[in-house]
Amino acid sequence: MNLKTVVFLAGLSQGWSLSVTVFGGSGFCGSRVCKFLVEKGATVSSISKSGTAPKWCNNEEWTKQVDWKSADLLSSSDEALDAVVGAPEA
């Protein structure tokens, strides 16, 4: 773990409210990262091709707190990606 990660996680444990964008948040690892961040109090956006929560957690309460967005990182224009990503803090 690098220093940035340690500071970020320490901040979450101290109750800092961060805005975080997770790329691939509908995937196996990304969805669990979204869940962890929501549980720690972060404001979470997920960007993936589907733009939806994965089936395994679709009815879980934390999924309602994630802003699920759809974008294809390989074929979308820079302007479209800028509009979807916004300006997260992490």
N, C-alpha and C. Protein backbone atom coordinates (compact mmCIF):
# COMPACT_ATOMS: atom_id res chain seq x y z
N MET A 1 0.84 -1.16 0.00
CA MET A 1 0.00 0.00 0.00
C MET A 1 0.90 1.24 0.00
N ASN A 2 0.58 2.20 -0.86
CA ASN A 2 1.40 3.41 -0.88
C ASN A 2 0.86 4.46 0.10
N LEU A 3 1.61 5.52 0.29
CA LEU A 3 1.26 6.54 1.27
C LEU A 3 -0.08 7.21 0.95
N LYS A 4 -0.35 7.45 -0.33
CA LYS A 4 -1.63 8.07 -0.71
C LYS A 4 -2.81 7.21 -0.27
N THR A 5 -2.69 5.91 -0.47
CA THR A 5 -3.76 4.99 -0.09
C THR A 5 -3.96 4.99 1.41
N VAL A 6 -2.88 4.99 2.17
CA VAL A 6 -2.96 4.99 3.62
C VAL A 6 -3.64 6.27 4.11
N VAL A 7 -3.26 7.41 3.56
CA VAL A 7 -3.86 8.69 3.95
C VAL A 7 -5.34 8.70 3.59
N PHE A 8 -5.67 8.19 2.39
CA PHE A 8 -7.07 8.14 1.95
C PHE A 8 -7.91 7.29 2.90
N LEU A 9 -7.45 6.10 3.21
CA LEU A 9 -8.19 5.20 4.10
C LEU A 9 -8.27 5.76 5.52
N ALA A 10 -7.21 6.40 5.96
CA ALA A 10 -7.23 7.03 7.29
C ALA A 10 -8.26 8.15 7.31
N GLY A 11 -8.33 8.91 6.23
CA GLY A 11 -9.32 9.98 6.15
C GLY A 11 -10.73 9.46 6.21
N LEU A 12 -10.99 8.36 5.52
CA LEU A 12 -12.33 7.76 5.56
C LEU A 12 -12.67 7.31 6.97
N SER A 13 -11.69 6.74 7.66
CA SER A 13 -11.96 6.25 9.01
C SER A 13 -12.18 7.41 9.99
N GLN A 14 -11.69 8.60 9.65
CA GLN A 14 -11.88 9.77 10.49
C GLN A 14 -13.18 10.51 10.16
N GLY A 15 -13.92 10.01 9.20
CA GLY A 15 -15.20 10.62 8.87
C GLY A 15 -15.14 11.68 7.79
N TRP A 16 -14.02 11.77 7.07
CA TRP A 16 -13.96 12.71 5.97
C TRP A 16 -14.98 12.30 4.92
N SER A 17 -15.61 13.26 4.31
CA SER A 17 -16.55 12.96 3.23
C SER A 17 -15.85 13.22 1.90
N LEU A 18 -15.56 12.17 1.18
CA LEU A 18 -14.86 12.29 -0.09
C LEU A 18 -15.77 11.89 -1.24
N SER A 19 -15.53 12.51 -2.38
CA SER A 19 -16.21 12.15 -3.62
C SER A 19 -15.26 11.28 -4.42
N VAL A 20 -15.67 10.03 -4.71
CA VAL A 20 -14.79 9.07 -5.36
C VAL A 20 -15.48 8.49 -6.59
N THR A 21 -14.73 8.39 -7.69
CA THR A 21 -15.22 7.72 -8.90
C THR A 21 -14.49 6.40 -9.05
N VAL A 22 -15.25 5.32 -9.21
CA VAL A 22 -14.68 3.98 -9.38
C VAL A 22 -14.90 3.55 -10.82
N PHE A 23 -13.83 3.33 -11.55
CA PHE A 23 -13.94 2.83 -12.92
C PHE A 23 -14.07 1.31 -12.85
N GLY A 24 -15.08 0.78 -13.53
CA GLY A 24 -15.33 -0.66 -13.48
C GLY A 24 -16.09 -1.05 -12.22
N GLY A 25 -16.90 -0.15 -11.69
CA GLY A 25 -17.62 -0.39 -10.45
C GLY A 25 -18.67 -1.48 -10.52
N SER A 26 -19.02 -1.93 -11.71
CA SER A 26 -19.98 -3.02 -11.84
C SER A 26 -19.30 -4.38 -11.88
N GLY A 27 -17.98 -4.39 -11.88
CA GLY A 27 -17.24 -5.64 -11.95
C GLY A 27 -17.05 -6.29 -10.59
N PHE A 28 -16.37 -7.42 -10.58
CA PHE A 28 -16.17 -8.21 -9.37
C PHE A 28 -15.46 -7.39 -8.29
N CYS A 29 -14.32 -6.82 -8.62
CA CYS A 29 -13.56 -6.04 -7.64
C CYS A 29 -14.16 -4.65 -7.43
N GLY A 30 -14.50 -3.99 -8.53
CA GLY A 30 -15.01 -2.62 -8.45
C GLY A 30 -16.27 -2.48 -7.63
N SER A 31 -17.16 -3.45 -7.72
CA SER A 31 -18.40 -3.38 -6.95
C SER A 31 -18.12 -3.49 -5.45
N ARG A 32 -17.13 -4.28 -5.10
CA ARG A 32 -16.77 -4.41 -3.69
C ARG A 32 -16.06 -3.15 -3.18
N VAL A 33 -15.31 -2.50 -4.06
CA VAL A 33 -14.71 -1.21 -3.71
C VAL A 33 -15.81 -0.18 -3.48
N CYS A 34 -16.82 -0.15 -4.35
CA CYS A 34 -17.95 0.77 -4.17
C CYS A 34 -18.63 0.52 -2.83
N LYS A 35 -18.88 -0.73 -2.52
CA LYS A 35 -19.54 -1.07 -1.25
C LYS A 35 -18.71 -0.59 -0.07
N PHE A 36 -17.43 -0.87 -0.08
CA PHE A 36 -16.52 -0.44 0.99
C PHE A 36 -16.56 1.07 1.16
N LEU A 37 -16.46 1.80 0.06
CA LEU A 37 -16.43 3.26 0.13
C LEU A 37 -17.74 3.83 0.67
N VAL A 38 -18.86 3.28 0.21
CA VAL A 38 -20.16 3.73 0.72
C VAL A 38 -20.24 3.48 2.22
N GLU A 39 -19.81 2.31 2.66
CA GLU A 39 -19.85 1.98 4.09
C GLU A 39 -18.97 2.90 4.92
N LYS A 40 -17.92 3.47 4.31
CA LYS A 40 -17.03 4.38 5.00
C LYS A 40 -17.49 5.83 4.89
N GLY A 41 -18.60 6.07 4.17
CA GLY A 41 -19.16 7.41 4.11
C GLY A 41 -18.79 8.25 2.90
N ALA A 42 -18.11 7.67 1.93
CA ALA A 42 -17.74 8.42 0.73
C ALA A 42 -18.95 8.58 -0.20
N THR A 43 -18.93 9.63 -0.99
CA THR A 43 -19.89 9.82 -2.06
C THR A 43 -19.30 9.11 -3.27
N VAL A 44 -20.00 8.09 -3.80
CA VAL A 44 -19.41 7.21 -4.80
C VAL A 44 -20.15 7.26 -6.12
N SER A 45 -19.37 7.39 -7.21
CA SER A 45 -19.87 7.23 -8.56
C SER A 45 -19.16 6.04 -9.18
N SER A 46 -19.90 5.26 -9.94
CA SER A 46 -19.32 4.11 -10.63
C SER A 46 -19.49 4.31 -12.12
N ILE A 47 -18.41 4.11 -12.86
CA ILE A 47 -18.46 4.21 -14.31
C ILE A 47 -18.13 2.84 -14.89
N SER A 48 -19.05 2.32 -15.70
CA SER A 48 -18.85 1.03 -16.36
C SER A 48 -19.67 1.01 -17.64
N LYS A 49 -19.45 0.00 -18.46
CA LYS A 49 -20.23 -0.11 -19.69
C LYS A 49 -21.72 -0.24 -19.41
N SER A 50 -22.09 -1.02 -18.41
CA SER A 50 -23.51 -1.25 -18.13
C SER A 50 -24.15 -0.07 -17.41
N GLY A 51 -23.41 0.59 -16.54
CA GLY A 51 -23.96 1.70 -15.78
C GLY A 51 -24.97 1.27 -14.73
N THR A 52 -24.93 0.00 -14.34
CA THR A 52 -25.87 -0.52 -13.34
C THR A 52 -25.11 -1.33 -12.29
N ALA A 53 -25.77 -1.52 -11.17
CA ALA A 53 -25.20 -2.37 -10.13
C ALA A 53 -25.20 -3.82 -10.62
N PRO A 54 -24.21 -4.62 -10.22
CA PRO A 54 -24.19 -6.02 -10.62
C PRO A 54 -25.33 -6.80 -9.98
N LYS A 55 -25.68 -7.91 -10.59
CA LYS A 55 -26.82 -8.71 -10.11
C LYS A 55 -26.64 -9.20 -8.68
N TRP A 56 -25.41 -9.53 -8.29
CA TRP A 56 -25.21 -10.13 -6.96
C TRP A 56 -25.61 -9.18 -5.83
N CYS A 57 -25.63 -7.89 -6.10
CA CYS A 57 -25.92 -6.93 -5.03
C CYS A 57 -27.05 -5.97 -5.38
N ASN A 58 -27.77 -6.26 -6.41
CA ASN A 58 -28.76 -5.33 -6.94
C ASN A 58 -29.79 -4.87 -5.91
N ASN A 59 -30.14 -5.68 -4.95
CA ASN A 59 -31.16 -5.30 -3.97
C ASN A 59 -30.58 -4.85 -2.64
N GLU A 60 -29.26 -4.72 -2.56
CA GLU A 60 -28.65 -4.29 -1.31
C GLU A 60 -28.77 -2.78 -1.15
N GLU A 61 -28.92 -2.35 0.07
CA GLU A 61 -29.17 -0.94 0.39
C GLU A 61 -28.05 -0.01 -0.10
N TRP A 62 -26.80 -0.43 0.03
CA TRP A 62 -25.69 0.44 -0.34
C TRP A 62 -25.70 0.81 -1.82
N THR A 63 -26.27 -0.06 -2.67
CA THR A 63 -26.28 0.23 -4.11
C THR A 63 -27.10 1.46 -4.46
N LYS A 64 -28.04 1.82 -3.60
CA LYS A 64 -28.87 3.00 -3.84
C LYS A 64 -28.10 4.29 -3.58
N GLN A 65 -26.95 4.16 -2.92
CA GLN A 65 -26.14 5.33 -2.61
C GLN A 65 -25.03 5.58 -3.63
N VAL A 66 -24.92 4.71 -4.62
CA VAL A 66 -23.91 4.85 -5.67
C VAL A 66 -24.58 5.45 -6.90
N ASP A 67 -23.90 6.42 -7.51
CA ASP A 67 -24.38 7.00 -8.77
C ASP A 67 -23.80 6.15 -9.91
N TRP A 68 -24.61 5.25 -10.44
CA TRP A 68 -24.16 4.31 -11.48
C TRP A 68 -24.25 5.00 -12.83
N LYS A 69 -23.10 5.13 -13.52
CA LYS A 69 -23.04 5.82 -14.81
C LYS A 69 -22.50 4.88 -15.88
N SER A 70 -22.99 5.07 -17.10
CA SER A 70 -22.56 4.24 -18.22
C SER A 70 -21.64 5.02 -19.15
N ALA A 71 -20.50 4.41 -19.47
CA ALA A 71 -19.57 4.98 -20.45
C ALA A 71 -18.62 3.89 -20.91
N ASP A 72 -18.25 3.96 -22.16
CA ASP A 72 -17.25 3.04 -22.71
C ASP A 72 -15.94 3.80 -22.81
N LEU A 73 -15.00 3.47 -21.95
CA LEU A 73 -13.74 4.22 -21.89
C LEU A 73 -12.92 4.13 -23.17
N LEU A 74 -13.13 3.10 -23.94
CA LEU A 74 -12.33 2.92 -25.15
C LEU A 74 -12.91 3.62 -26.37
N SER A 75 -14.22 3.84 -26.40
CA SER A 75 -14.81 4.41 -27.61
C SER A 75 -15.50 5.76 -27.40
N SER A 76 -15.62 6.22 -26.18
CA SER A 76 -16.26 7.51 -25.93
C SER A 76 -15.30 8.65 -26.23
N SER A 77 -15.85 9.79 -26.62
CA SER A 77 -15.03 10.97 -26.87
C SER A 77 -14.52 11.53 -25.55
N ASP A 78 -13.49 12.35 -25.63
CA ASP A 78 -12.95 12.97 -24.42
C ASP A 78 -14.00 13.83 -23.73
N GLU A 79 -14.80 14.53 -24.52
CA GLU A 79 -15.84 15.40 -23.95
C GLU A 79 -16.89 14.58 -23.20
N ALA A 80 -17.28 13.44 -23.78
CA ALA A 80 -18.28 12.58 -23.14
C ALA A 80 -17.73 12.02 -21.83
N LEU A 81 -16.47 11.62 -21.84
CA LEU A 81 -15.86 11.09 -20.62
C LEU A 81 -15.74 12.17 -19.55
N ASP A 82 -15.37 13.38 -19.95
CA ASP A 82 -15.29 14.49 -19.00
C ASP A 82 -16.64 14.73 -18.34
N ALA A 83 -17.71 14.65 -19.12
CA ALA A 83 -19.05 14.88 -18.59
C ALA A 83 -19.46 13.79 -17.60
N VAL A 84 -19.07 12.55 -17.87
CA VAL A 84 -19.43 11.44 -16.99
C VAL A 84 -18.57 11.43 -15.73
N VAL A 85 -17.29 11.66 -15.87
CA VAL A 85 -16.39 11.57 -14.74
C VAL A 85 -16.56 12.75 -13.78
N GLY A 86 -16.73 13.93 -14.29
CA GLY A 86 -16.85 15.10 -13.42
C GLY A 86 -15.53 15.44 -12.77
N ALA A 87 -15.56 15.81 -11.49
CA ALA A 87 -14.35 16.22 -10.77
C ALA A 87 -14.30 15.57 -9.39
N PRO A 88 -14.07 14.26 -9.33
CA PRO A 88 -14.01 13.60 -8.03
C PRO A 88 -12.76 14.01 -7.27
N GLU A 89 -12.79 13.83 -5.96
CA GLU A 89 -11.63 14.13 -5.12
C GLU A 89 -10.64 12.97 -5.11
N ALA A 90 -11.13 11.80 -5.44
CA ALA A 90 -10.23 10.63 -5.46
C ALA A 90 -10.70 9.65 -6.51
